Amino acid sequence: MQEQILPLYDNELTRAWLLTYFQDLGVNTTDGEVTFAIEEDECELEVSRISAYFKFNRGCEIRLDDEVAARFSGGDVIRLFRSYRYTLGQLQATLLRYGFQVQRCWATKHQDEAILVVGRSSAQN
């Protein structure tokens, strides 16, 4: 399913959105490139995530109020975005682990999108 979702993130409109904050700090789109990756979570191996990174192709400084806030060299990489992609079952299991349970759920036919009402599980009250 991740491969079906990746193009919803890995596109010019999303790249422009992710770079907006960087551009406000003085980083130009020519200072590097945005790449996307599907990754497994280190803590919850059954859950994948989509991450976006900016890889600098040259040195760059970020300045705030005329002071250097950060310096980057060519080859440096910074994560711009991360989205966990839980299946409905994975999300419910994770919520239970932390003492919450789904009280109501409205899901699409393929369960790729859902709205949940979540509350403390009765064992935690």
Protein backbone atom coordinates (compact mmCIF):
# COMPACT_ATOMS: atom_id res chain seq x y z
CA MET A 1 0.00 0.00 0.00
CA GLN A 2 2.91 2.38 0.70
CA GLU A 3 3.91 2.35 -2.97
CA GLN A 4 0.38 3.50 -3.86
CA ILE A 5 0.53 6.34 -1.34
CA LEU A 6 4.07 7.58 -2.11
CA PRO A 7 3.07 9.50 -5.29
CA LEU A 8 0.58 11.48 -3.19
CA TYR A 9 3.62 12.93 -1.38
CA ASP A 10 6.40 12.68 -3.97
CA ASN A 11 5.19 15.38 -6.36
CA GLU A 12 5.96 19.00 -7.24
CA LEU A 13 3.12 20.52 -5.19
CA THR A 14 4.25 18.75 -1.99
CA ARG A 15 7.90 19.63 -2.69
CA ALA A 16 6.94 23.31 -3.02
CA TRP A 17 4.95 23.14 0.23
CA LEU A 18 7.83 21.49 2.12
CA LEU A 19 10.34 24.04 0.83
CA THR A 20 8.22 27.07 1.78
CA TYR A 21 9.59 27.18 5.34
CA PHE A 22 13.17 26.72 4.13
CA GLN A 23 12.77 29.49 1.58
CA ASP A 24 11.50 31.82 4.32
CA LEU A 25 14.83 31.14 6.09
CA GLY A 26 16.88 31.96 2.98
CA VAL A 27 17.46 28.49 1.52
CA ASN A 28 16.96 28.40 -2.24
CA THR A 29 15.49 25.49 -4.15
CA THR A 30 18.82 25.35 -6.01
CA ASP A 31 20.71 24.72 -2.71
CA GLY A 32 19.68 21.05 -2.74
CA GLU A 33 16.91 18.61 -3.51
CA VAL A 34 13.96 16.98 -1.77
CA THR A 35 13.80 13.18 -1.73
CA PHE A 36 11.14 10.85 -0.34
CA ALA A 37 11.53 7.42 1.25
CA ILE A 38 9.36 4.66 2.67
CA GLU A 39 10.89 3.57 5.97
CA GLU A 40 10.19 1.08 8.72
CA ASP A 41 9.82 2.47 12.23
CA GLU A 42 12.66 1.50 14.58
CA CYS A 43 10.32 1.01 17.55
CA GLU A 44 7.29 -0.49 15.84
CA LEU A 45 8.65 -2.63 13.02
CA GLU A 46 5.20 -3.39 11.63
CA VAL A 47 4.49 0.30 10.90
CA SER A 48 5.88 2.14 7.89
CA ARG A 49 6.29 5.84 7.39
CA ILE A 50 6.92 8.23 4.55
CA SER A 51 9.73 10.71 5.10
CA ALA A 52 10.92 13.67 3.07
CA TYR A 53 14.53 14.87 3.24
CA PHE A 54 16.42 17.87 1.90
CA LYS A 55 19.96 17.08 0.77
CA PHE A 56 22.19 20.13 0.42
CA ASN A 57 24.32 20.19 -2.71
CA ARG A 58 26.39 23.13 -1.43
CA GLY A 59 27.10 25.04 1.74
CA CYS A 60 24.26 27.13 3.11
CA GLU A 61 23.53 29.26 6.18
CA ILE A 62 20.18 29.84 7.81
CA ARG A 63 20.00 33.27 9.42
CA LEU A 64 17.52 34.52 12.00
CA ASP A 65 17.59 38.17 13.02
CA ASP A 66 20.98 38.63 11.31
CA GLU A 67 22.54 35.75 13.25
CA VAL A 68 23.59 32.41 11.83
CA ALA A 69 21.16 29.85 13.27
CA ALA A 70 22.48 26.82 11.37
CA ARG A 71 25.15 25.94 8.84
CA PHE A 72 24.94 23.13 6.33
CA SER A 73 27.60 21.71 4.04
CA GLY A 74 27.16 20.03 0.70
CA GLY A 75 25.99 16.47 1.35
CA ASP A 76 24.22 17.30 4.65
CA VAL A 77 20.68 15.96 4.93
CA ILE A 78 17.81 17.22 7.07
CA ARG A 79 14.39 15.61 7.47
CA LEU A 80 11.55 17.95 6.49
CA PHE A 81 8.54 15.71 7.03
CA ARG A 82 7.43 12.35 8.38
CA SER A 83 4.04 10.63 8.08
CA TYR A 84 3.30 7.32 9.74
CA ARG A 85 1.07 5.08 7.66
CA TYR A 86 -0.82 2.87 10.08
CA THR A 87 -3.39 0.41 8.88
CA LEU A 88 -6.60 0.65 10.88
CA GLY A 89 -5.71 -2.55 12.77
CA GLN A 90 -2.18 -1.32 13.57
CA LEU A 91 -3.53 1.98 14.86
CA GLN A 92 -6.10 0.27 17.09
CA ALA A 93 -3.43 -2.07 18.51
CA THR A 94 -1.07 0.86 19.17
CA LEU A 95 -3.81 2.85 20.89
CA LEU A 96 -4.63 -0.13 23.13
CA ARG A 97 -0.96 -0.40 24.13
CA TYR A 98 -1.19 3.15 25.48
CA GLY A 99 -4.50 2.69 27.26
CA PHE A 100 -6.89 3.97 24.60
CA GLN A 101 -9.56 2.26 22.56
CA VAL A 102 -11.63 3.16 19.54
CA GLN A 103 -15.19 4.01 20.55
CA ARG A 104 -16.47 4.88 17.05
CA CYS A 105 -14.95 4.48 13.62
CA TRP A 106 -15.91 5.66 10.17
CA ALA A 107 -13.61 4.19 7.50
CA THR A 108 -13.55 4.29 3.73
CA LYS A 109 -14.35 1.13 1.80
CA HIS A 110 -10.67 0.16 1.52
CA GLN A 111 -9.89 1.41 5.05
CA ASP A 112 -7.18 3.72 3.70
CA GLU A 113 -8.73 6.71 5.49
CA ALA A 114 -10.72 6.81 8.74
CA ILE A 115 -12.12 9.08 11.40
CA LEU A 116 -11.91 7.70 14.93
CA VAL A 117 -13.40 8.66 18.27
CA VAL A 118 -10.91 7.47 20.88
CA GLY A 119 -11.20 7.30 24.65
CA ARG A 120 -9.38 5.81 27.62
CA SER A 121 -9.85 2.07 27.77
CA SER A 122 -11.95 0.80 30.70
CA ALA A 123 -8.88 -0.93 32.20
CA GLN A 124 -7.21 2.50 32.56
CA ASN A 125 -10.13 4.30 34.26
